[in-house]
Amino acid sequence: MRQLPLLIVGALVVVGALGGFLTARIFAGDDMAGAQMGDAGSVSQERPIAYWVAPMDPNYRRDEPGLSPMGMELVPVYEDDLSGASDGQPSLQIDPSVVNNIGVRTELVRRADLSLEIRTVGHVMADEEQTSDVHVRSEGWIEHLAVEAEGAAVRRGDLLFQIYSPDLVAAQSEYLQAVRLGRPALLDGATQRLAALGMSDRQIVNLQESGSANRLVGIYAPQSGVVTALNVRQGMFIRPSDTTMRLADLSTVWVLAEVFETQADWVSPGQRAVMQLPAFPSEIWEGEVDYVYPTAQSRARTISVRLRVANPLLRLKPNMYADI
């Protein structure tokens, strides 16, 4: 029977302790809430808050503090910041230290033309519009070759080689016979035949003045330039179909470049181009787009673009590599 009072006393002690703990928690929670309300009230008294926004999404707004969908604390937007916007639209002010920490950089807005830059490679080649192939008009043998190596420089009118051609010798004899006979129709026909066989007006006049057929007839340079191909040697037998040599004027050269087919619409004739060559790494060469080829390379899927570059000192050589 003595155990019953002891149990009752123990139960009362436990109930009292539990009640005290709950009472302390309630009062502590009220104090913290009051403190938070007091802090918010003091902040709101200092600077009225218009609303709260998410740091990473200014369109997420709430009327009270809390967390954003990303779990970040909402940031207050003050009414005085909104009223200070020059255009009357709401604005978000960011602390300068935050701007510096996130690496924001600004630049004044300016008006300028937008341009696209293409980087590619190419190689130098002779301007085919300033290139001449040398042929003969009658078959024969080269008995004197004045140009003996590729790369030789020649001027327009310089002797390239002399040819012995039986057809040319016979045509000269017919011409001299017509001159002696004094028959205009016959003379006109003989003159046209000599011209068709490749003799110039000056050579025909010299023939008439000398009065005797020349065994060797000279072939002269049709333009100034350098010999880029030499396909004959002294003593060779040649025909009209043979290309004896090629002359190229390198004072202006072409640079053939390749661009991807997706960039083809960015390129048009007349555009400026700059390039560097490994042979002259410290120099910049300027040219312009001369022609955009109409077909694409089937394997590389590129379009060929031709640049025209001035080369007055002949420093650019065919087949040189260029970064464009």
C-alpha atoms as a PDB file:
ATOM      1  CA  MET A   1       0.000   0.000   0.000  1.00  0.00           C
ATOM      2  CA  ARG A   2       2.978   2.324   0.513  1.00  0.00           C
ATOM      3  CA  GLN A   3       3.956   1.966  -3.130  1.00  0.00           C
ATOM      4  CA  LEU A   4       0.804   3.763  -4.371  1.00  0.00           C
ATOM      5  CA  PRO A   5       1.640   7.189  -2.850  1.00  0.00           C
ATOM      6  CA  LEU A   6       5.167   6.869  -4.205  1.00  0.00           C
ATOM      7  CA  LEU A   7       3.855   6.243  -7.735  1.00  0.00           C
ATOM      8  CA  ILE A   8       1.471   9.196  -7.481  1.00  0.00           C
ATOM      9  CA  VAL A   9       4.276  11.498  -6.354  1.00  0.00           C
ATOM     10  CA  GLY A  10       6.539  10.304  -9.162  1.00  0.00           C
ATOM     11  CA  ALA A  11       3.837  10.886 -11.762  1.00  0.00           C
ATOM     12  CA  LEU A  12       3.235  14.400 -10.468  1.00  0.00           C
ATOM     13  CA  VAL A  13       6.962  15.162 -10.693  1.00  0.00           C
ATOM     14  CA  VAL A  14       7.122  13.961 -14.321  1.00  0.00           C
ATOM     15  CA  VAL A  15       3.995  15.927 -15.296  1.00  0.00           C
ATOM     16  CA  GLY A  16       5.382  19.059 -13.692  1.00  0.00           C
ATOM     17  CA  ALA A  17       8.723  18.748 -15.455  1.00  0.00           C
ATOM     18  CA  LEU A  18       7.043  18.195 -18.805  1.00  0.00           C
ATOM     19  CA  GLY A  19       4.766  21.188 -18.304  1.00  0.00           C
ATOM     20  CA  GLY A  20       7.697  23.395 -17.420  1.00  0.00           C
ATOM     21  CA  PHE A  21       9.615  22.341 -20.537  1.00  0.00           C
ATOM     22  CA  LEU A  22       6.644  23.024 -22.825  1.00  0.00           C
ATOM     23  CA  THR A  23       6.007  26.388 -21.205  1.00  0.00           C
ATOM     24  CA  ALA A  24       9.653  27.387 -21.723  1.00  0.00           C
ATOM     25  CA  ARG A  25       9.537  26.383 -25.398  1.00  0.00           C
ATOM     26  CA  ILE A  26       6.347  28.359 -26.003  1.00  0.00           C
ATOM     27  CA  PHE A  27       7.717  31.516 -24.389  1.00  0.00           C
ATOM     28  CA  ALA A  28      11.062  31.110 -26.197  1.00  0.00           C
ATOM     29  CA  GLY A  29       9.284  30.790 -29.560  1.00  0.00           C
ATOM     30  CA  ASP A  30       7.227  33.894 -28.819  1.00  0.00           C
ATOM     31  CA  ASP A  31      10.385  35.802 -27.955  1.00  0.00           C
ATOM     32  CA  MET A  32      12.139  34.753 -31.211  1.00  0.00           C
ATOM     33  CA  ALA A  33       9.094  35.596 -33.309  1.00  0.00           C
ATOM     34  CA  GLY A  34       8.846  38.929 -31.575  1.00  0.00           C
ATOM     35  CA  ALA A  35      12.525  39.570 -32.207  1.00  0.00           C
ATOM     36  CA  GLN A  36      12.168  38.700 -35.894  1.00  0.00           C
ATOM     37  CA  MET A  37       9.098  40.888 -36.194  1.00  0.00           C
ATOM     38  CA  GLY A  38      10.932  43.652 -34.437  1.00  0.00           C
ATOM     39  CA  ASP A  39      13.904  43.341 -36.788  1.00  0.00           C
ATOM     40  CA  ALA A  40      11.671  43.274 -39.840  1.00  0.00           C
ATOM     41  CA  GLY A  41       9.751  46.206 -38.459  1.00  0.00           C
ATOM     42  CA  SER A  42      12.934  48.185 -37.900  1.00  0.00           C
ATOM     43  CA  VAL A  43      14.144  47.387 -41.435  1.00  0.00           C
ATOM     44  CA  SER A  44      10.784  48.271 -42.903  1.00  0.00           C
ATOM     45  CA  GLN A  45      10.797  51.502 -40.911  1.00  0.00           C
ATOM     46  CA  GLU A  46      14.262  52.336 -42.261  1.00  0.00           C
ATOM     47  CA  ARG A  47      13.553  51.390 -45.920  1.00  0.00           C
ATOM     48  CA  PRO A  48      10.054  50.247 -46.963  1.00  0.00           C
ATOM     49  CA  ILE A  49      10.161  46.920 -48.811  1.00  0.00           C
ATOM     50  CA  ALA A  50       8.042  46.642 -51.957  1.00  0.00           C
ATOM     51  CA  TYR A  51       8.405  42.888 -52.408  1.00  0.00           C
ATOM     52  CA  TRP A  52      10.865  40.003 -52.230  1.00  0.00           C
ATOM     53  CA  VAL A  53      12.456  38.355 -55.261  1.00  0.00           C
ATOM     54  CA  ALA A  54      14.530  35.271 -55.986  1.00  0.00           C
ATOM     55  CA  PRO A  55      18.245  36.074 -56.481  1.00  0.00           C
ATOM     56  CA  MET A  56      18.394  34.012 -59.685  1.00  0.00           C
ATOM     57  CA  ASP A  57      14.932  34.871 -61.039  1.00  0.00           C
ATOM     58  CA  PRO A  58      13.645  38.449 -60.602  1.00  0.00           C
ATOM     59  CA  ASN A  59      10.236  37.352 -61.935  1.00  0.00           C
ATOM     60  CA  TYR A  60       9.687  35.212 -58.825  1.00  0.00           C
ATOM     61  CA  ARG A  61       8.141  37.704 -56.346  1.00  0.00           C
ATOM     62  CA  ARG A  62       6.609  37.324 -52.896  1.00  0.00           C
ATOM     63  CA  ASP A  63       5.146  39.709 -50.336  1.00  0.00           C
ATOM     64  CA  GLU A  64       7.162  38.247 -47.479  1.00  0.00           C
ATOM     65  CA  PRO A  65      10.594  36.680 -46.945  1.00  0.00           C
ATOM     66  CA  GLY A  66      11.123  33.038 -47.676  1.00  0.00           C
ATOM     67  CA  LEU A  67      12.947  30.676 -49.998  1.00  0.00           C
ATOM     68  CA  SER A  68      13.066  30.623 -53.792  1.00  0.00           C
ATOM     69  CA  PRO A  69      12.301  27.464 -55.814  1.00  0.00           C
ATOM     70  CA  MET A  70      16.075  26.892 -55.839  1.00  0.00           C
ATOM     71  CA  GLY A  71      16.239  26.985 -52.040  1.00  0.00           C
ATOM     72  CA  MET A  72      17.895  30.420 -51.826  1.00  0.00           C
ATOM     73  CA  GLU A  73      16.736  33.200 -49.498  1.00  0.00           C
ATOM     74  CA  LEU A  74      14.609  35.847 -51.183  1.00  0.00           C
ATOM     75  CA  VAL A  75      16.147  39.310 -51.618  1.00  0.00           C
ATOM     76  CA  PRO A  76      14.191  42.461 -50.665  1.00  0.00           C
ATOM     77  CA  VAL A  77      13.397  45.110 -53.276  1.00  0.00           C
ATOM     78  CA  TYR A  78      12.956  48.522 -51.692  1.00  0.00           C
ATOM     79  CA  GLU A  79      10.347  51.057 -52.715  1.00  0.00           C
ATOM     80  CA  ASP A  80      12.880  53.876 -52.969  1.00  0.00           C
ATOM     81  CA  ASP A  81      14.834  51.848 -55.546  1.00  0.00           C
ATOM     82  CA  LEU A  82      11.696  51.464 -57.629  1.00  0.00           C
ATOM     83  CA  SER A  83      10.802  55.129 -57.402  1.00  0.00           C
ATOM     84  CA  GLY A  84      14.351  56.067 -58.465  1.00  0.00           C
ATOM     85  CA  ALA A  85      14.113  54.369 -61.879  1.00  0.00           C
ATOM     86  CA  SER A  86      14.485  57.031 -64.572  1.00  0.00           C
ATOM     87  CA  ASP A  87      12.044  55.431 -67.019  1.00  0.00           C
ATOM     88  CA  GLY A  88       9.404  54.625 -64.459  1.00  0.00           C
ATOM     89  CA  GLN A  89       9.991  50.886 -64.799  1.00  0.00           C
ATOM     90  CA  PRO A  90      11.026  48.686 -61.878  1.00  0.00           C
ATOM     91  CA  SER A  91      14.765  48.130 -61.599  1.00  0.00           C
ATOM     92  CA  LEU A  92      16.907  45.788 -59.578  1.00  0.00           C
ATOM     93  CA  GLN A  93      19.927  47.299 -57.843  1.00  0.00           C
ATOM     94  CA  ILE A  94      22.923  45.058 -57.185  1.00  0.00           C
ATOM     95  CA  ASP A  95      25.496  45.849 -54.569  1.00  0.00           C
ATOM     96  CA  PRO A  96      28.870  46.851 -56.123  1.00  0.00           C
ATOM     97  CA  SER A  97      30.654  44.116 -54.183  1.00  0.00           C
ATOM     98  CA  VAL A  98      28.300  41.529 -55.671  1.00  0.00           C
ATOM     99  CA  VAL A  99      28.907  42.952 -59.163  1.00  0.00           C
ATOM    100  CA  ASN A 100      32.643  42.605 -58.643  1.00  0.00           C
ATOM    101  CA  ASN A 101      32.373  39.069 -57.258  1.00  0.00           C
ATOM    102  CA  ILE A 102      30.335  37.730 -60.181  1.00  0.00           C
ATOM    103  CA  GLY A 103      32.615  39.379 -62.741  1.00  0.00           C
ATOM    104  CA  VAL A 104      30.153  41.742 -64.421  1.00  0.00           C
ATOM    105  CA  ARG A 105      31.779  43.942 -67.090  1.00  0.00           C
ATOM    106  CA  THR A 106      30.119  46.852 -68.854  1.00  0.00           C
ATOM    107  CA  GLU A 107      30.793  48.792 -72.052  1.00  0.00           C
ATOM    108  CA  LEU A 108      29.214  51.839 -73.626  1.00  0.00           C
ATOM    109  CA  VAL A 109      26.777  51.101 -76.418  1.00  0.00           C
ATOM    110  CA  ARG A 110      28.033  52.300 -79.806  1.00  0.00           C
ATOM    111  CA  ARG A 111      26.846  52.005 -83.374  1.00  0.00           C
ATOM    112  CA  ALA A 112      29.074  49.953 -85.701  1.00  0.00           C
ATOM    113  CA  ASP A 113      28.883  47.676 -88.724  1.00  0.00           C
ATOM    114  CA  LEU A 114      28.756  43.983 -87.911  1.00  0.00           C
ATOM    115  CA  SER A 115      31.300  41.904 -89.806  1.00  0.00           C
ATOM    116  CA  LEU A 116      32.165  38.230 -90.012  1.00  0.00           C
ATOM    117  CA  GLU A 117      35.755  37.023 -90.088  1.00  0.00           C
ATOM    118  CA  ILE A 118      36.877  33.874 -91.863  1.00  0.00           C
ATOM    119  CA  ARG A 119      40.263  32.312 -91.189  1.00  0.00           C
ATOM    120  CA  THR A 120      41.623  29.884 -93.746  1.00  0.00           C
ATOM    121  CA  VAL A 121      44.739  28.918 -95.695  1.00  0.00           C
ATOM    122  CA  GLY A 122      45.788  29.168 -99.320  1.00  0.00           C
ATOM    123  CA  HIS A 123      48.687  29.087-101.741  1.00  0.00           C
ATOM    124  CA  VAL A 124      50.160  31.573-104.193  1.00  0.00           C
ATOM    125  CA  MET A 125      49.799  30.961-107.922  1.00  0.00           C
ATOM    126  CA  ALA A 126      50.441  32.884-111.131  1.00  0.00           C
ATOM    127  CA  ASP A 127      47.707  35.162-112.440  1.00  0.00           C
ATOM    128  CA  GLU A 128      46.368  33.157-115.376  1.00  0.00           C
ATOM    129  CA  GLU A 129      45.056  36.335-116.984  1.00  0.00           C
ATOM    130  CA  GLN A 130      48.680  37.477-117.296  1.00  0.00           C
ATOM    131  CA  THR A 131      50.085  34.153-118.501  1.00  0.00           C
ATOM    132  CA  SER A 132      51.018  33.152-122.060  1.00  0.00           C
ATOM    133  CA  ASP A 133      51.789  29.778-123.631  1.00  0.00           C
ATOM    134  CA  VAL A 134      54.286  29.856-126.494  1.00  0.00           C
ATOM    135  CA  HIS A 135      53.505  27.720-129.570  1.00  0.00           C
ATOM    136  CA  VAL A 136      54.820  27.590-133.114  1.00  0.00           C
ATOM    137  CA  ARG A 137      52.624  27.705-136.232  1.00  0.00           C
ATOM    138  CA  SER A 138      54.649  25.194-138.255  1.00  0.00           C
ATOM    139  CA  GLU A 139      56.604  22.116-137.298  1.00  0.00           C
ATOM    140  CA  GLY A 140      60.376  22.150-137.284  1.00  0.00           C
ATOM    141  CA  TRP A 141      63.558  21.880-135.219  1.00  0.00           C
ATOM    142  CA  ILE A 142      64.842  24.217-132.509  1.00  0.00           C
ATOM    143  CA  GLU A 143      68.375  25.088-133.560  1.00  0.00           C
ATOM    144  CA  HIS A 144      69.004  27.908-131.089  1.00  0.00           C
ATOM    145  CA  LEU A 145      67.451  28.182-127.611  1.00  0.00           C
ATOM    146  CA  ALA A 146      67.927  31.619-126.050  1.00  0.00           C
ATOM    147  CA  VAL A 147      66.155  30.726-122.771  1.00  0.00           C
ATOM    148  CA  GLU A 148      67.808  27.783-121.081  1.00  0.00           C
ATOM    149  CA  ALA A 149      66.152  27.524-117.647  1.00  0.00           C
ATOM    150  CA  GLU A 150      62.850  28.047-115.865  1.00  0.00           C
ATOM    151  CA  GLY A 151      62.664  31.243-113.840  1.00  0.00           C
ATOM    152  CA  ALA A 152      64.477  33.324-116.454  1.00  0.00           C
ATOM    153  CA  ALA A 153      63.103  36.856-116.763  1.00  0.00           C
ATOM    154  CA  VAL A 154      62.163  38.069-120.240  1.00  0.00           C
ATOM    155  CA  ARG A 155      60.725  41.238-121.738  1.00  0.00           C
ATOM    156  CA  ARG A 156      58.128  41.508-124.436  1.00  0.00           C
ATOM    157  CA  GLY A 157      59.873  41.076-127.797  1.00  0.00           C
ATOM    158  CA  ASP A 158      62.919  39.187-126.475  1.00  0.00           C
ATOM    159  CA  LEU A 159      64.135  36.250-128.581  1.00  0.00           C
ATOM    160  CA  LEU A 160      63.119  32.899-127.066  1.00  0.00           C
ATOM    161  CA  PHE A 161      64.416  30.463-129.690  1.00  0.00           C
ATOM    162  CA  GLN A 162      65.022  30.047-133.431  1.00  0.00           C
ATOM    163  CA  ILE A 163      63.366  27.316-135.461  1.00  0.00           C
ATOM    164  CA  TYR A 164      64.219  25.698-138.765  1.00  0.00           C
ATOM    165  CA  SER A 165      60.972  24.898-140.554  1.00  0.00           C
ATOM    166  CA  PRO A 166      60.876  23.772-144.212  1.00  0.00           C
ATOM    167  CA  ASP A 167      57.342  25.173-144.507  1.00  0.00           C
ATOM    168  CA  LEU A 168      58.528  28.616-143.370  1.00  0.00           C
ATOM    169  CA  VAL A 169      61.464  28.587-145.768  1.00  0.00           C
ATOM    170  CA  ALA A 170      59.165  27.674-148.681  1.00  0.00           C
ATOM    171  CA  ALA A 171      56.644  30.366-147.736  1.00  0.00           C
ATOM    172  CA  GLN A 172      59.391  32.997-147.648  1.00  0.00           C
ATOM    173  CA  SER A 173      60.561  31.987-151.118  1.00  0.00           C
ATOM    174  CA  GLU A 174      56.996  32.292-152.470  1.00  0.00           C
ATOM    175  CA  TYR A 175      56.710  35.753-150.957  1.00  0.00           C
ATOM    176  CA  LEU A 176      59.969  36.958-152.518  1.00  0.00           C
ATOM    177  CA  GLN A 177      58.846  35.546-155.894  1.00  0.00           C
ATOM    178  CA  ALA A 178      55.586  37.511-155.602  1.00  0.00           C
ATOM    179  CA  VAL A 179      57.538  40.667-154.782  1.00  0.00           C
ATOM    180  CA  ARG A 180      59.700  40.241-157.881  1.00  0.00           C
ATOM    181  CA  LEU A 181      56.679  39.598-160.086  1.00  0.00           C
ATOM    182  CA  GLY A 182      54.902  42.671-158.736  1.00  0.00           C
ATOM    183  CA  ARG A 183      51.486  41.053-158.822  1.00  0.00           C
ATOM    184  CA  PRO A 184      49.371  42.489-155.956  1.00  0.00           C
ATOM    185  CA  ALA A 185      47.001  39.530-155.645  1.00  0.00           C
ATOM    186  CA  LEU A 186      49.857  37.037-155.510  1.00  0.00           C
ATOM    187  CA  LEU A 187      51.790  39.229-153.072  1.00  0.00           C
ATOM    188  CA  ASP A 188      48.777  39.595-150.788  1.00  0.00           C
ATOM    189  CA  GLY A 189      48.267  35.828-150.668  1.00  0.00           C
ATOM    190  CA  ALA A 190      51.946  35.172-149.905  1.00  0.00           C
ATOM    191  CA  THR A 191      51.905  37.796-147.133  1.00  0.00           C
ATOM    192  CA  GLN A 192      48.840  36.236-145.492  1.00  0.00           C
ATOM    193  CA  ARG A 193      50.475  32.797-145.583  1.00  0.00           C
ATOM    194  CA  LEU A 194      53.586  34.090-143.774  1.00  0.00           C
ATOM    195  CA  ALA A 195      51.385  35.712-141.112  1.00  0.00           C
ATOM    196  CA  ALA A 196      49.443  32.466-140.698  1.00  0.00           C
ATOM    197  CA  LEU A 197      52.720  30.610-140.118  1.00  0.00           C
ATOM    198  CA  GLY A 198      53.623  32.968-137.267  1.00  0.00           C
ATOM    199  CA  MET A 199      55.851  35.627-138.824  1.00  0.00           C
ATOM    200  CA  SER A 200      55.270  39.154-137.504  1.00  0.00           C
ATOM    201  CA  ASP A 201      54.808  42.255-139.648  1.00  0.00           C
ATOM    202  CA  ARG A 202      58.304  43.384-138.738  1.00  0.00           C
ATOM    203  CA  GLN A 203      59.804  40.052-139.823  1.00  0.00           C
ATOM    204  CA  ILE A 204      57.983  40.244-143.172  1.00  0.00           C
ATOM    205  CA  VAL A 205      59.307  43.780-143.780  1.00  0.00           C
ATOM    206  CA  ASN A 206      62.842  42.623-142.942  1.00  0.00           C
ATOM    207  CA  LEU A 207      62.400  39.717-145.373  1.00  0.00           C
ATOM    208  CA  GLN A 208      61.388  42.080-148.153  1.00  0.00           C
ATOM    209  CA  GLU A 209      64.309  44.390-147.414  1.00  0.00           C
ATOM    210  CA  SER A 210      66.867  41.554-147.330  1.00  0.00           C
ATOM    211  CA  GLY A 211      65.573  39.890-150.494  1.00  0.00           C
ATOM    212  CA  SER A 212      66.538  36.383-149.354  1.00  0.00           C
ATOM    213  CA  ALA A 213      64.753  33.682-147.327  1.00  0.00           C
ATOM    214  CA  ASN A 214      65.942  33.093-143.767  1.00  0.00           C
ATOM    215  CA  ARG A 215      66.770  29.531-142.861  1.00  0.00           C
ATOM    216  CA  LEU A 216      66.093  30.181-139.154  1.00  0.00           C
ATOM    217  CA  VAL A 217      63.061  32.126-137.968  1.00  0.00           C
ATOM    218  CA  GLY A 218      62.978  33.661-134.492  1.00  0.00           C
ATOM    219  CA  ILE A 219      60.153  33.154-131.975  1.00  0.00           C
ATOM    220  CA  TYR A 220      59.796  36.128-129.615  1.00  0.00           C
ATOM    221  CA  ALA A 221      58.236  36.679-126.173  1.00  0.00           C
ATOM    222  CA  PRO A 222      54.592  37.815-126.442  1.00  0.00           C
ATOM    223  CA  GLN A 223      54.743  39.484-122.999  1.00  0.00           C
ATOM    224  CA  SER A 224      57.084  40.404-120.163  1.00  0.00           C
ATOM    225  CA  GLY A 225      57.439  38.036-117.221  1.00  0.00           C
ATOM    226  CA  VAL A 226      59.306  34.959-116.082  1.00  0.00           C
ATOM    227  CA  VAL A 227      59.524  31.528-117.648  1.00  0.00           C
ATOM    228  CA  THR A 228      57.428  29.286-115.399  1.00  0.00           C
ATOM    229  CA  ALA A 229      57.595  26.221-117.674  1.00  0.00           C
ATOM    230  CA  LEU A 230      60.264  25.215-120.201  1.00  0.00           C
ATOM    231  CA  ASN A 231      59.343  22.102-122.168  1.00  0.00           C
ATOM    232  CA  VAL A 232      61.915  22.142-124.991  1.00  0.00           C
ATOM    233  CA  ARG A 233      65.636  21.744-125.462  1.00  0.00           C
ATOM    234  CA  GLN A 234      67.911  22.731-128.281  1.00  0.00           C
ATOM    235  CA  GLY A 235      67.615  20.362-131.256  1.00  0.00           C
ATOM    236  CA  MET A 236      64.112  19.145-130.378  1.00  0.00           C
ATOM    237  CA  PHE A 237      61.507  18.610-133.071  1.00  0.00           C
ATOM    238  CA  ILE A 238      58.318  20.501-132.232  1.00  0.00           C
ATOM    239  CA  ARG A 239      54.806  20.720-133.635  1.00  0.00           C
ATOM    240  CA  PRO A 240      52.124  23.425-133.342  1.00  0.00           C
ATOM    241  CA  SER A 241      50.362  21.360-130.649  1.00  0.00           C
ATOM    242  CA  ASP A 242      53.415  21.460-128.363  1.00  0.00           C
ATOM    243  CA  THR A 243      53.608  24.052-125.568  1.00  0.00           C
ATOM    244  CA  THR A 244      57.241  25.071-125.794  1.00  0.00           C
ATOM    245  CA  MET A 245      57.220  27.311-122.719  1.00  0.00           C
ATOM    246  CA  ARG A 246      54.970  29.379-120.463  1.00  0.00           C
ATOM    247  CA  LEU A 247      55.498  33.008-119.469  1.00  0.00           C
ATOM    248  CA  ALA A 248      53.857  34.615-116.433  1.00  0.00           C
ATOM    249  CA  ASP A 249      53.799  38.210-115.228  1.00  0.00           C
ATOM    250  CA  LEU A 250      54.126  37.931-111.427  1.00  0.00           C
ATOM    251  CA  SER A 251      53.656  41.627-110.644  1.00  0.00           C
ATOM    252  CA  THR A 252      50.164  40.549-109.587  1.00  0.00           C
ATOM    253  CA  VAL A 253      49.476  37.054-108.254  1.00  0.00           C
ATOM    254  CA  TRP A 254      46.500  34.963-107.282  1.00  0.00           C
ATOM    255  CA  VAL A 255      46.086  33.302-103.898  1.00  0.00           C
ATOM    256  CA  LEU A 256      43.751  30.323-103.977  1.00  0.00           C
ATOM    257  CA  ALA A 257      41.981  29.753-100.642  1.00  0.00           C
ATOM    258  CA  GLU A 258      39.298  27.348 -99.429  1.00  0.00           C
ATOM    259  CA  VAL A 259      36.249  28.174 -97.288  1.00  0.00           C
ATOM    260  CA  PHE A 260      33.613  25.805 -95.923  1.00  0.00           C
ATOM    261  CA  GLU A 261      30.401  25.637 -97.902  1.00  0.00           C
ATOM    262  CA  THR A 262      28.528  27.040 -94.886  1.00  0.00           C
ATOM    263  CA  GLN A 263      30.657  30.196 -95.198  1.00  0.00           C
ATOM    264  CA  ALA A 264      30.206  30.656 -98.941  1.00  0.00           C
ATOM    265  CA  ASP A 265      27.487  33.311 -98.549  1.00  0.00           C
ATOM    266  CA  TRP A 266      29.854  35.408 -96.436  1.00  0.00           C
ATOM    267  CA  VAL A 267      32.300  35.894 -99.316  1.00  0.00           C
ATOM    268  CA  SER A 268      31.816  38.085-102.391  1.00  0.00           C
ATOM    269  CA  PRO A 269      34.111  39.731-104.973  1.00  0.00           C
ATOM    270  CA  GLY A 270      35.647  43.013-103.877  1.00  0.00           C
ATOM    271  CA  GLN A 271      35.966  42.139-100.188  1.00  0.00           C
ATOM    272  CA  ARG A 272      39.262  42.935 -98.479  1.00  0.00           C
ATOM    273  CA  ALA A 273      41.532  40.109 -97.339  1.00  0.00           C
ATOM    274  CA  VAL A 274      44.744  40.065 -95.307  1.00  0.00           C
ATOM    275  CA  MET A 275      47.293  37.280 -95.068  1.00  0.00           C
ATOM    276  CA  GLN A 276      50.630  36.278 -93.594  1.00  0.00           C
ATOM    277  CA  LEU A 277      53.225  33.975 -95.088  1.00  0.00           C
ATOM    278  CA  PRO A 278      55.723  31.799 -93.195  1.00  0.00           C
ATOM    279  CA  ALA A 279      58.363  33.220 -95.534  1.00  0.00           C
ATOM    280  CA  PHE A 280      57.632  36.746 -94.220  1.00  0.00           C
ATOM    281  CA  PRO A 281      56.143  36.213 -90.727  1.00  0.00           C
ATOM    282  CA  SER A 282      56.381  39.860 -89.647  1.00  0.00           C
ATOM    283  CA  GLU A 283      54.588  41.273 -92.706  1.00  0.00           C
ATOM    284  CA  ILE A 284      50.908  41.667 -93.535  1.00  0.00           C
ATOM    285  CA  TRP A 285      49.849  41.348 -97.174  1.00  0.00           C
ATOM    286  CA  GLU A 286      46.582  42.805 -98.413  1.00  0.00           C
ATOM    287  CA  GLY A 287      44.451  41.763-101.340  1.00  0.00           C
ATOM    288  CA  GLU A 288      40.843  41.437-102.379  1.00  0.00           C
ATOM    289  CA  VAL A 289      38.459  38.686-103.353  1.00  0.00           C
ATOM    290  CA  ASP A 290      38.576  38.403-107.144  1.00  0.00           C
ATOM    291  CA  TYR A 291      36.369  35.384-107.798  1.00  0.00           C
ATOM    292  CA  VAL A 292      34.295  32.819-105.894  1.00  0.00           C
ATOM    293  CA  TYR A 293      34.185  29.495-107.723  1.00  0.00           C
ATOM    294  CA  PRO A 294      30.676  28.171-108.451  1.00  0.00           C
ATOM    295  CA  THR A 295      31.249  24.540-107.416  1.00  0.00           C
ATOM    296  CA  ALA A 296      32.187  22.800-104.163  1.00  0.00           C
ATOM    297  CA  GLN A 297      34.842  20.165-103.586  1.00  0.00           C
ATOM    298  CA  SER A 298      33.023  16.839-103.330  1.00  0.00           C
ATOM    299  CA  ARG A 299      35.205  15.414-100.552  1.00  0.00           C
ATOM    300  CA  ALA A 300      36.267  18.401 -98.472  1.00  0.00           C
ATOM    301  CA  ARG A 301      32.933  20.245 -98.895  1.00  0.00           C
ATOM    302  CA  THR A 302      34.767  23.521 -99.455  1.00  0.00           C
ATOM    303  CA  ILE A 303      34.454  26.378-101.945  1.00  0.00           C
ATOM    304  CA  SER A 304      37.522  27.791-103.693  1.00  0.00           C
ATOM    305  CA  VAL A 305      38.017  31.554-103.409  1.00  0.00           C
ATOM    306  CA  ARG A 306      40.525  33.453-105.535  1.00  0.00           C
ATOM    307  CA  LEU A 307      42.312  36.497-104.126  1.00  0.00           C
ATOM    308  CA  ARG A 308      44.255  39.035-106.167  1.00  0.00           C
ATOM    309  CA  VAL A 309      47.379  40.436-104.468  1.00  0.00           C
ATOM    310  CA  ALA A 310      49.821  43.055-105.763  1.00  0.00           C
ATOM    311  CA  ASN A 311      53.407  41.788-105.980  1.00  0.00           C
ATOM    312  CA  PRO A 312      55.502  44.648-107.436  1.00  0.00           C
ATOM    313  CA  LEU A 313      58.812  43.377-106.008  1.00  0.00           C
ATOM    314  CA  LEU A 314      58.111  39.774-107.074  1.00  0.00           C
ATOM    315  CA  ARG A 315      58.613  38.514-103.510  1.00  0.00           C
ATOM    316  CA  LEU A 316      55.559  36.268-103.620  1.00  0.00           C
ATOM    317  CA  LYS A 317      56.413  33.074-105.462  1.00  0.00           C
ATOM    318  CA  PRO A 318      54.000  30.509-106.912  1.00  0.00           C
ATOM    319  CA  ASN A 319      53.168  27.657-104.495  1.00  0.00           C
ATOM    320  CA  MET A 320      54.047  29.670-101.357  1.00  0.00           C
ATOM    321  CA  TYR A 321      51.776  28.888 -98.362  1.00  0.00           C
ATOM    322  CA  ALA A 322      49.605  31.641 -96.833  1.00  0.00           C
ATOM    323  CA  ASP A 323      47.522  32.066 -93.649  1.00  0.00           C
ATOM    324  CA  ILE A 324      44.476  34.185 -94.531  1.00  0.00           C
END
